[in-house]
Amino acid sequence: MAEEKEQKNQGQLNIELSEEVAEGQYVNLAMIAHSNSEFVIDFIKMMPGVPKAKVKSRIVVTPEHAKRLLYALKDNVDKYEKHFGPIKQADEPPKFPMNFGGTVGEA
């Protein structure tokens, strides 16, 4: 019986998700670079009126995994749009005025 359970569990991956990681990070920009052996994806949070943006997470993957991620993301976007309707895309990226969200301090 233990042998049967062991065989059943083969091929299953136990994924651990810490509380900190489970909270997630809000990002609104991704920058991607690549070499012949890896893709580097920086996930960045830009805030309106702040001229400095912060990289919240950097992910490094092989080209094969980058392609798998591309297909998985496309599959999920297709499923999302099938359920909720098309995702609208603006012609241009959003433009934030430098004083968005409050007055700009002066010294």
Protein backbone atom coordinates (compact mmCIF):
# COMPACT_ATOMS: atom_id res chain seq x y z
CA MET A 1 0.00 0.00 0.00
CA ALA A 2 2.83 2.43 0.82
CA GLU A 3 4.42 1.49 -2.51
CA GLU A 4 1.17 2.34 -4.30
CA LYS A 5 0.99 5.76 -2.60
CA GLU A 6 4.63 6.45 -3.45
CA GLN A 7 3.99 5.63 -7.12
CA LYS A 8 0.88 7.82 -7.09
CA ASN A 9 2.86 10.76 -5.69
CA GLN A 10 5.59 10.41 -8.30
CA GLY A 11 5.19 13.12 -10.86
CA GLN A 12 3.45 15.43 -8.39
CA LEU A 13 5.24 18.57 -7.31
CA ASN A 14 4.79 19.93 -3.81
CA ILE A 15 4.90 23.73 -4.15
CA GLU A 16 5.49 25.84 -1.06
CA LEU A 17 4.12 29.39 -0.99
CA SER A 18 5.27 31.60 1.86
CA GLU A 19 2.92 34.23 3.29
CA GLU A 20 5.13 37.03 2.01
CA VAL A 21 5.17 35.71 -1.56
CA ALA A 22 1.45 34.86 -1.43
CA GLU A 23 0.67 38.55 -0.82
CA GLY A 24 2.05 39.31 -4.27
CA GLN A 25 3.55 42.49 -5.65
CA TYR A 26 1.70 45.11 -7.68
CA VAL A 27 3.61 45.94 -10.86
CA ASN A 28 2.61 47.94 -13.90
CA LEU A 29 5.68 47.60 -16.10
CA ALA A 30 7.85 44.72 -17.25
CA MET A 31 11.20 45.02 -18.98
CA ILE A 32 12.69 42.01 -20.73
CA ALA A 33 16.27 41.37 -21.82
CA HIS A 34 17.89 38.21 -23.11
CA SER A 35 21.16 36.55 -23.94
CA ASN A 36 21.76 33.32 -25.81
CA SER A 37 21.16 31.34 -22.61
CA GLU A 38 18.57 33.21 -20.54
CA PHE A 39 15.74 35.71 -20.41
CA VAL A 40 15.67 38.30 -17.63
CA ILE A 41 12.28 39.78 -16.77
CA ASP A 42 12.17 42.75 -14.41
CA PHE A 43 8.78 43.52 -12.91
CA ILE A 44 8.60 47.20 -11.99
CA LYS A 45 6.20 49.42 -10.06
CA MET A 46 5.90 52.95 -11.44
CA MET A 47 4.01 55.48 -9.36
CA PRO A 48 2.38 58.57 -10.85
CA GLY A 49 4.35 61.73 -10.19
CA VAL A 50 7.46 59.84 -9.07
CA PRO A 51 10.34 59.99 -11.55
CA LYS A 52 11.98 56.89 -10.07
CA ALA A 53 10.58 53.37 -10.53
CA LYS A 54 11.52 50.35 -8.44
CA VAL A 55 12.14 46.79 -9.63
CA LYS A 56 9.95 44.64 -7.38
CA SER A 57 11.06 41.28 -8.75
CA ARG A 58 13.56 39.90 -11.25
CA ILE A 59 12.92 36.52 -12.85
CA VAL A 60 15.60 34.70 -14.85
CA VAL A 61 14.52 31.79 -17.05
CA THR A 62 15.92 29.67 -19.86
CA PRO A 63 14.74 30.36 -23.42
CA GLU A 64 12.64 27.17 -23.31
CA HIS A 65 10.88 28.30 -20.13
CA ALA A 66 10.38 31.79 -21.57
CA LYS A 67 8.54 30.23 -24.50
CA ARG A 68 6.45 28.07 -22.15
CA LEU A 69 5.60 31.20 -20.15
CA LEU A 70 4.57 32.96 -23.37
CA TYR A 71 2.21 30.11 -24.30
CA ALA A 72 0.81 29.82 -20.76
CA LEU A 73 0.17 33.56 -20.57
CA LYS A 74 -1.53 33.57 -23.99
CA ASP A 75 -3.69 30.61 -22.97
CA ASN A 76 -4.74 32.40 -19.77
CA VAL A 77 -5.47 35.68 -21.56
CA ASP A 78 -7.61 33.78 -24.09
CA LYS A 79 -9.54 32.11 -21.26
CA TYR A 80 -9.96 35.44 -19.46
CA GLU A 81 -11.31 37.13 -22.60
CA LYS A 82 -13.65 34.24 -23.32
CA HIS A 83 -15.14 34.63 -19.83
CA PHE A 84 -14.97 38.42 -19.29
CA GLY A 85 -14.75 39.86 -22.80
CA PRO A 86 -11.89 41.47 -24.70
CA ILE A 87 -9.19 43.32 -22.81
CA LYS A 88 -9.07 46.85 -24.16
CA GLN A 89 -5.67 48.24 -25.04
CA ALA A 90 -4.90 51.94 -25.21
CA ASP A 91 -3.09 53.18 -28.29
CA GLU A 92 -0.44 54.80 -26.07
CA PRO A 93 0.88 54.00 -22.63
CA PRO A 94 -0.76 56.01 -19.84
CA LYS A 95 0.72 59.46 -19.21
CA PHE A 96 0.84 60.67 -15.63
CA PRO A 97 1.35 64.35 -14.85
CA MET A 98 4.24 64.89 -12.43
CA ASN A 99 1.85 66.29 -9.80
CA PHE A 100 -0.68 63.48 -10.08
CA GLY A 101 -2.12 62.58 -6.70
CA GLY A 102 -1.26 65.79 -4.87
CA THR A 103 0.77 68.93 -4.83
CA VAL A 104 4.45 68.91 -5.56
CA GLY A 105 6.57 70.06 -2.63
CA GLU A 106 8.92 72.97 -3.05
CA ALA A 107 12.08 73.71 -1.11
